[in-house]
C-alpha atoms as a PDB file:
ATOM      1  CA  MET A   1     -25.864 -14.671 -29.224  1.00  0.00           C
ATOM      2  CA  PRO A   2     -29.559 -13.490 -29.082  1.00  0.00           C
ATOM      3  CA  ASP A   3     -30.269  -9.898 -29.990  1.00  0.00           C
ATOM      4  CA  GLU A   4     -31.725  -9.445 -26.349  1.00  0.00           C
ATOM      5  CA  GLN A   5     -28.732 -10.871 -24.328  1.00  0.00           C
ATOM      6  CA  MET A   6     -25.392  -8.747 -23.626  1.00  0.00           C
ATOM      7  CA  ALA A   7     -22.282 -10.046 -23.044  1.00  0.00           C
ATOM      8  CA  GLY A   8     -21.097 -10.046 -19.617  1.00  0.00           C
ATOM      9  CA  ALA A   9     -24.500  -9.373 -18.116  1.00  0.00           C
ATOM     10  CA  GLY A  10     -24.541 -11.358 -14.978  1.00  0.00           C
ATOM     11  CA  SER A  11     -20.652 -11.964 -15.035  1.00  0.00           C
ATOM     12  CA  ALA A  12     -18.811 -10.094 -12.082  1.00  0.00           C
ATOM     13  CA  PRO A  13     -17.140  -6.840 -12.952  1.00  0.00           C
ATOM     14  CA  ALA A  14     -13.272  -6.089 -12.085  1.00  0.00           C
ATOM     15  CA  PRO A  15     -12.798  -5.453  -8.654  1.00  0.00           C
ATOM     16  CA  PRO A  16     -12.923  -1.445  -7.777  1.00  0.00           C
ATOM     17  CA  GLY A  17      -9.038  -1.139  -7.073  1.00  0.00           C
ATOM     18  CA  GLY A  18      -8.193  -3.307 -10.502  1.00  0.00           C
ATOM     19  CA  THR A  19      -5.366  -5.781 -10.171  1.00  0.00           C
ATOM     20  CA  PRO A  20      -2.947  -5.373  -7.346  1.00  0.00           C
ATOM     21  CA  GLY A  21       0.378  -4.107  -8.472  1.00  0.00           C
ATOM     22  CA  VAL A  22      -0.956  -2.999 -11.998  1.00  0.00           C
ATOM     23  CA  PRO A  23      -1.909   0.717 -12.113  1.00  0.00           C
ATOM     24  CA  PRO A  24      -5.421   1.617 -12.863  1.00  0.00           C
ATOM     25  CA  VAL A  25      -6.573   2.403 -16.429  1.00  0.00           C
ATOM     26  CA  PRO A  26      -7.698   5.774 -16.856  1.00  0.00           C
ATOM     27  CA  PRO A  27     -11.620   5.847 -17.577  1.00  0.00           C
ATOM     28  CA  ARG A  28     -12.251   6.704 -21.136  1.00  0.00           C
ATOM     29  CA  PRO A  29     -14.359   9.647 -22.099  1.00  0.00           C
ATOM     30  CA  LEU A  30     -18.022   9.269 -22.758  1.00  0.00           C
ATOM     31  CA  ASP A  31     -19.797  10.594 -25.631  1.00  0.00           C
ATOM     32  CA  PRO A  32     -23.115  11.861 -25.769  1.00  0.00           C
ATOM     33  CA  ILE A  33     -24.247   8.307 -27.215  1.00  0.00           C
ATOM     34  CA  ASP A  34     -22.734   6.334 -24.411  1.00  0.00           C
ATOM     35  CA  ARG A  35     -24.440   8.801 -22.067  1.00  0.00           C
ATOM     36  CA  SER A  36     -27.713   8.039 -23.736  1.00  0.00           C
ATOM     37  CA  ILE A  37     -27.431   4.458 -23.698  1.00  0.00           C
ATOM     38  CA  MET A  38     -26.601   4.447 -19.892  1.00  0.00           C
ATOM     39  CA  ARG A  39     -29.739   6.461 -19.307  1.00  0.00           C
ATOM     40  CA  LEU A  40     -31.790   3.992 -21.225  1.00  0.00           C
ATOM     41  CA  LEU A  41     -30.406   1.080 -19.504  1.00  0.00           C
ATOM     42  CA  GLN A  42     -30.881   2.701 -16.069  1.00  0.00           C
ATOM     43  CA  ALA A  43     -34.542   3.280 -16.969  1.00  0.00           C
ATOM     44  CA  ASP A  44     -34.868  -0.361 -18.301  1.00  0.00           C
ATOM     45  CA  GLY A  45     -32.071  -2.722 -17.736  1.00  0.00           C
ATOM     46  CA  ARG A  46     -33.851  -5.567 -19.566  1.00  0.00           C
ATOM     47  CA  ALA A  47     -34.076  -3.357 -22.836  1.00  0.00           C
ATOM     48  CA  SER A  48     -33.005  -5.290 -25.751  1.00  0.00           C
ATOM     49  CA  ILE A  49     -29.836  -4.302 -27.953  1.00  0.00           C
ATOM     50  CA  ARG A  50     -32.258  -3.330 -30.960  1.00  0.00           C
ATOM     51  CA  SER A  51     -34.433  -1.084 -28.674  1.00  0.00           C
ATOM     52  CA  VAL A  52     -31.394   0.564 -27.446  1.00  0.00           C
ATOM     53  CA  ALA A  53     -29.809   0.858 -30.819  1.00  0.00           C
ATOM     54  CA  GLU A  54     -33.054   2.271 -32.513  1.00  0.00           C
ATOM     55  CA  GLN A  55     -33.200   4.970 -29.627  1.00  0.00           C
ATOM     56  CA  VAL A  56     -29.686   6.183 -29.975  1.00  0.00           C
ATOM     57  CA  HIS A  57     -29.813   6.137 -33.721  1.00  0.00           C
ATOM     58  CA  VAL A  58     -26.984   3.536 -34.308  1.00  0.00           C
ATOM     59  CA  SER A  59     -26.668   0.261 -35.581  1.00  0.00           C
ATOM     60  CA  ARG A  60     -26.992  -2.753 -33.528  1.00  0.00           C
ATOM     61  CA  ALA A  61     -23.407  -3.938 -33.462  1.00  0.00           C
ATOM     62  CA  ASN A  62     -22.626  -0.567 -32.592  1.00  0.00           C
ATOM     63  CA  ALA A  63     -24.834  -0.362 -29.615  1.00  0.00           C
ATOM     64  CA  TYR A  64     -23.635  -4.004 -28.668  1.00  0.00           C
ATOM     65  CA  ALA A  65     -20.002  -2.758 -28.827  1.00  0.00           C
ATOM     66  CA  ARG A  66     -20.573   0.033 -26.797  1.00  0.00           C
ATOM     67  CA  ILE A  67     -22.481  -1.601 -24.018  1.00  0.00           C
ATOM     68  CA  ASN A  68     -19.897  -4.240 -23.815  1.00  0.00           C
ATOM     69  CA  ARG A  69     -17.349  -1.683 -23.586  1.00  0.00           C
ATOM     70  CA  LEU A  70     -19.212   0.139 -20.926  1.00  0.00           C
ATOM     71  CA  ILE A  71     -19.226  -2.943 -19.089  1.00  0.00           C
ATOM     72  CA  ASP A  72     -15.545  -4.222 -19.540  1.00  0.00           C
ATOM     73  CA  ASP A  73     -14.752  -0.535 -18.568  1.00  0.00           C
ATOM     74  CA  GLY A  74     -16.739  -0.939 -15.323  1.00  0.00           C
ATOM     75  CA  VAL A  75     -19.005   1.827 -16.018  1.00  0.00           C
ATOM     76  CA  ILE A  76     -21.980  -0.288 -16.168  1.00  0.00           C
ATOM     77  CA  ARG A  77     -21.452  -2.491 -12.984  1.00  0.00           C
ATOM     78  CA  GLY A  78     -24.327  -4.806 -13.498  1.00  0.00           C
ATOM     79  CA  PHE A  79     -28.159  -5.091 -14.217  1.00  0.00           C
ATOM     80  CA  THR A  80     -30.816  -4.916 -11.604  1.00  0.00           C
ATOM     81  CA  ALA A  81     -34.327  -4.588 -10.625  1.00  0.00           C
ATOM     82  CA  ARG A  82     -35.710  -1.485  -8.911  1.00  0.00           C
ATOM     83  CA  VAL A  83     -37.693  -2.603  -5.825  1.00  0.00           C
ATOM     84  CA  ASN A  84     -40.838  -1.158  -4.464  1.00  0.00           C
ATOM     85  CA  HIS A  85     -39.737  -1.778  -0.718  1.00  0.00           C
ATOM     86  CA  GLU A  86     -43.239  -0.997   0.842  1.00  0.00           C
ATOM     87  CA  ARG A  87     -44.935  -3.755  -1.747  1.00  0.00           C
ATOM     88  CA  ALA A  88     -42.093  -5.878  -0.819  1.00  0.00           C
ATOM     89  CA  GLY A  89     -42.855  -5.810   2.879  1.00  0.00           C
ATOM     90  CA  GLN A  90     -40.047  -3.104   3.706  1.00  0.00           C
ATOM     91  CA  GLY A  91     -42.258  -0.461   4.399  1.00  0.00           C
ATOM     92  CA  ALA A  92     -39.945   1.505   6.949  1.00  0.00           C
ATOM     93  CA  SER A  93     -37.178   3.152   5.472  1.00  0.00           C
ATOM     94  CA  ALA A  94     -34.536   5.401   7.222  1.00  0.00           C
ATOM     95  CA  TYR A  95     -31.111   7.284   6.320  1.00  0.00           C
ATOM     96  CA  ILE A  96     -28.948   6.696   9.232  1.00  0.00           C
ATOM     97  CA  THR A  97     -25.957   8.738  10.009  1.00  0.00           C
ATOM     98  CA  LEU A  98     -22.995   7.419  12.038  1.00  0.00           C
ATOM     99  CA  LYS A  99     -20.088   9.024  13.541  1.00  0.00           C
ATOM    100  CA  ILE A 100     -17.316   6.313  14.030  1.00  0.00           C
ATOM    101  CA  VAL A 101     -13.847   6.085  15.252  1.00  0.00           C
ATOM    102  CA  GLN A 102     -11.074   7.324  13.090  1.00  0.00           C
ATOM    103  CA  ASN A 103      -9.441   5.234  10.782  1.00  0.00           C
ATOM    104  CA  SER A 104     -12.242   2.331  11.232  1.00  0.00           C
ATOM    105  CA  TRP A 105     -14.277   2.849   8.046  1.00  0.00           C
ATOM    106  CA  ARG A 106     -13.352  -0.462   6.527  1.00  0.00           C
ATOM    107  CA  THR A 107     -14.220  -2.556   9.703  1.00  0.00           C
ATOM    108  CA  VAL A 108     -17.530  -0.862  10.035  1.00  0.00           C
ATOM    109  CA  ARG A 109     -18.206  -0.857   6.493  1.00  0.00           C
ATOM    110  CA  GLU A 110     -18.007  -4.970   6.502  1.00  0.00           C
ATOM    111  CA  GLN A 111     -20.274  -4.987   9.698  1.00  0.00           C
ATOM    112  CA  LEU A 112     -22.668  -2.656   8.087  1.00  0.00           C
ATOM    113  CA  ARG A 113     -22.931  -4.934   4.971  1.00  0.00           C
ATOM    114  CA  GLU A 114     -24.272  -7.837   7.219  1.00  0.00           C
ATOM    115  CA  LEU A 115     -27.056  -5.680   8.585  1.00  0.00           C
ATOM    116  CA  PRO A 116     -30.508  -6.899   7.284  1.00  0.00           C
ATOM    117  CA  GLY A 117     -32.116  -4.313   5.114  1.00  0.00           C
ATOM    118  CA  ALA A 118     -28.888  -2.309   4.348  1.00  0.00           C
ATOM    119  CA  ALA A 119     -29.196  -0.836   1.107  1.00  0.00           C
ATOM    120  CA  HIS A 120     -26.581   1.794   0.513  1.00  0.00           C
ATOM    121  CA  ILE A 121     -23.467   2.502   2.525  1.00  0.00           C
ATOM    122  CA  ALA A 122     -21.475   5.815   2.051  1.00  0.00           C
ATOM    123  CA  LEU A 123     -18.349   7.325   3.594  1.00  0.00           C
ATOM    124  CA  VAL A 124     -18.983  11.050   3.550  1.00  0.00           C
ATOM    125  CA  SER A 125     -17.496  14.324   4.706  1.00  0.00           C
ATOM    126  CA  GLY A 126     -19.345  16.637   7.358  1.00  0.00           C
ATOM    127  CA  ASP A 127     -20.758  16.379  10.841  1.00  0.00           C
ATOM    128  CA  PHE A 128     -20.969  12.693  10.576  1.00  0.00           C
ATOM    129  CA  ASP A 129     -18.909  10.141   8.734  1.00  0.00           C
ATOM    130  CA  VAL A 130     -21.093   7.368   7.364  1.00  0.00           C
ATOM    131  CA  LEU A 131     -24.398   7.335   5.830  1.00  0.00           C
ATOM    132  CA  LEU A 132     -26.458   4.375   5.707  1.00  0.00           C
ATOM    133  CA  LEU A 133     -29.980   3.537   3.911  1.00  0.00           C
ATOM    134  CA  VAL A 134     -31.797   0.841   5.419  1.00  0.00           C
ATOM    135  CA  HIS A 135     -35.296  -0.804   4.450  1.00  0.00           C
ATOM    136  CA  THR A 136     -36.903  -2.667   7.303  1.00  0.00           C
ATOM    137  CA  PRO A 137     -40.686  -4.183   7.634  1.00  0.00           C
ATOM    138  CA  ASP A 138     -41.727  -1.807  10.186  1.00  0.00           C
ATOM    139  CA  ASN A 139     -40.511   1.005  12.689  1.00  0.00           C
ATOM    140  CA  ARG A 140     -39.987  -1.528  15.629  1.00  0.00           C
ATOM    141  CA  THR A 141     -37.477  -3.480  13.444  1.00  0.00           C
ATOM    142  CA  LEU A 142     -35.959  -0.408  12.578  1.00  0.00           C
ATOM    143  CA  ARG A 143     -35.736   0.674  16.177  1.00  0.00           C
ATOM    144  CA  GLU A 144     -34.073  -2.728  17.022  1.00  0.00           C
ATOM    145  CA  LEU A 145     -31.541  -2.113  14.269  1.00  0.00           C
ATOM    146  CA  VAL A 146     -30.466   0.948  15.668  1.00  0.00           C
ATOM    147  CA  LEU A 147     -30.473   0.123  19.014  1.00  0.00           C
ATOM    148  CA  THR A 148     -29.216  -3.499  19.191  1.00  0.00           C
ATOM    149  CA  ARG A 149     -27.104  -4.003  16.059  1.00  0.00           C
ATOM    150  CA  LEU A 150     -25.704  -0.405  15.098  1.00  0.00           C
ATOM    151  CA  GLN A 151     -25.044   0.850  18.486  1.00  0.00           C
ATOM    152  CA  ALA A 152     -23.512  -2.401  19.450  1.00  0.00           C
ATOM    153  CA  ILE A 153     -20.676  -1.984  16.741  1.00  0.00           C
ATOM    154  CA  PRO A 154     -17.749  -0.839  19.115  1.00  0.00           C
ATOM    155  CA  GLU A 155     -16.329   1.653  16.477  1.00  0.00           C
ATOM    156  CA  VAL A 156     -19.855   3.393  16.127  1.00  0.00           C
ATOM    157  CA  LEU A 157     -19.777   6.548  18.505  1.00  0.00           C
ATOM    158  CA  SER A 158     -23.029   7.777  17.624  1.00  0.00           C
ATOM    159  CA  THR A 159     -26.013   7.542  15.176  1.00  0.00           C
ATOM    160  CA  ARG A 160     -29.054   9.442  14.142  1.00  0.00           C
ATOM    161  CA  THR A 161     -31.883   8.352  12.221  1.00  0.00           C
ATOM    162  CA  LEU A 162     -33.967  10.155   9.661  1.00  0.00           C
ATOM    163  CA  LEU A 163     -37.112   8.340   8.559  1.00  0.00           C
ATOM    164  CA  VAL A 164     -37.965   8.414   4.854  1.00  0.00           C
ATOM    165  CA  PHE A 165     -41.685   9.512   4.508  1.00  0.00           C
ATOM    166  CA  GLU A 166     -41.877   9.483   0.805  1.00  0.00           C
ATOM    167  CA  GLU A 167     -39.401   8.434  -2.034  1.00  0.00           C
ATOM    168  CA  THR A 168     -39.261   9.594  -5.668  1.00  0.00           C
ATOM    169  CA  ASP A 169     -37.765   7.274  -8.249  1.00  0.00           C
ATOM    170  CA  LEU A 170     -35.746   9.615 -10.546  1.00  0.00           C
ATOM    171  CA  LEU A 171     -35.329   6.548 -12.607  1.00  0.00           C
ATOM    172  CA  ALA A 172     -38.729   5.571 -13.115  1.00  0.00           C
ATOM    173  CA  PRO A 173     -40.261   6.576 -16.579  1.00  0.00           C
ATOM    174  CA  GLY A 174     -42.653   9.499 -15.954  1.00  0.00           C
ATOM    175  CA  PRO A 175     -44.433  10.709 -12.966  1.00  0.00           C
ATOM    176  CA  GLY A 176     -46.040   8.274 -10.639  1.00  0.00           C
ATOM    177  CA  PRO A 177     -45.090   4.862  -9.570  1.00  0.00           C
ATOM    178  CA  ALA A 178     -42.714   2.764 -12.159  1.00  0.00           C
ATOM    179  CA  ALA A 179     -44.734   0.923 -14.809  1.00  0.00           C
ATOM    180  CA  PRO A 180     -44.268  -3.040 -15.048  1.00  0.00           C
ATOM    181  CA  PRO A 181     -41.544  -3.833 -17.387  1.00  0.00           C
ATOM    182  CA  ALA A 182     -43.058  -4.785 -20.791  1.00  0.00           C
ATOM    183  CA  ILE A 183     -41.921  -7.906 -22.185  1.00  0.00           C
ATOM    184  CA  THR A 184     -41.459  -7.632 -25.858  1.00  0.00           C
ATOM    185  CA  GLU A 185     -40.130  -9.695 -28.643  1.00  0.00           C
ATOM    186  CA  ASP A 186     -37.871  -8.020 -30.804  1.00  0.00           C
END
């Protein structure tokens, strides 16, 4: 297998609950090298095994084995691109809080997954039940999403929309916008 490819990249991780009827395996403790590998891959999911190994001061075989273990254990759930939503035509972003009917989380979650622009859904504690992050082309589309799609879900009791004026990508290298990925031959 070429140095740049990782086993499991692109394959589906195990389901969150594990196998029905089989008790979940407790998570293995992560050491500082595992945490460093995770930070590097969060910043650049396309980093080669060689590059990761050099930066965390282990052999390529050790880095490869650690990354595969992190994937197999479900610590690393996949590799993805970080998108500049504005440049992708999704210039309006908002966090929307929802109060929902008690015990309707699973039903509501499945309906929220179908919403265009839904980026993150979380069941939370506090004054509301669900926190939803959406990206839409503009405020008119956002308004339609909230007024016609969200509020039409019977289990949604109320919503509150918080417009995002500016975002900071904490995983981007250095200050300012993320630099385009460097394509290197190792």
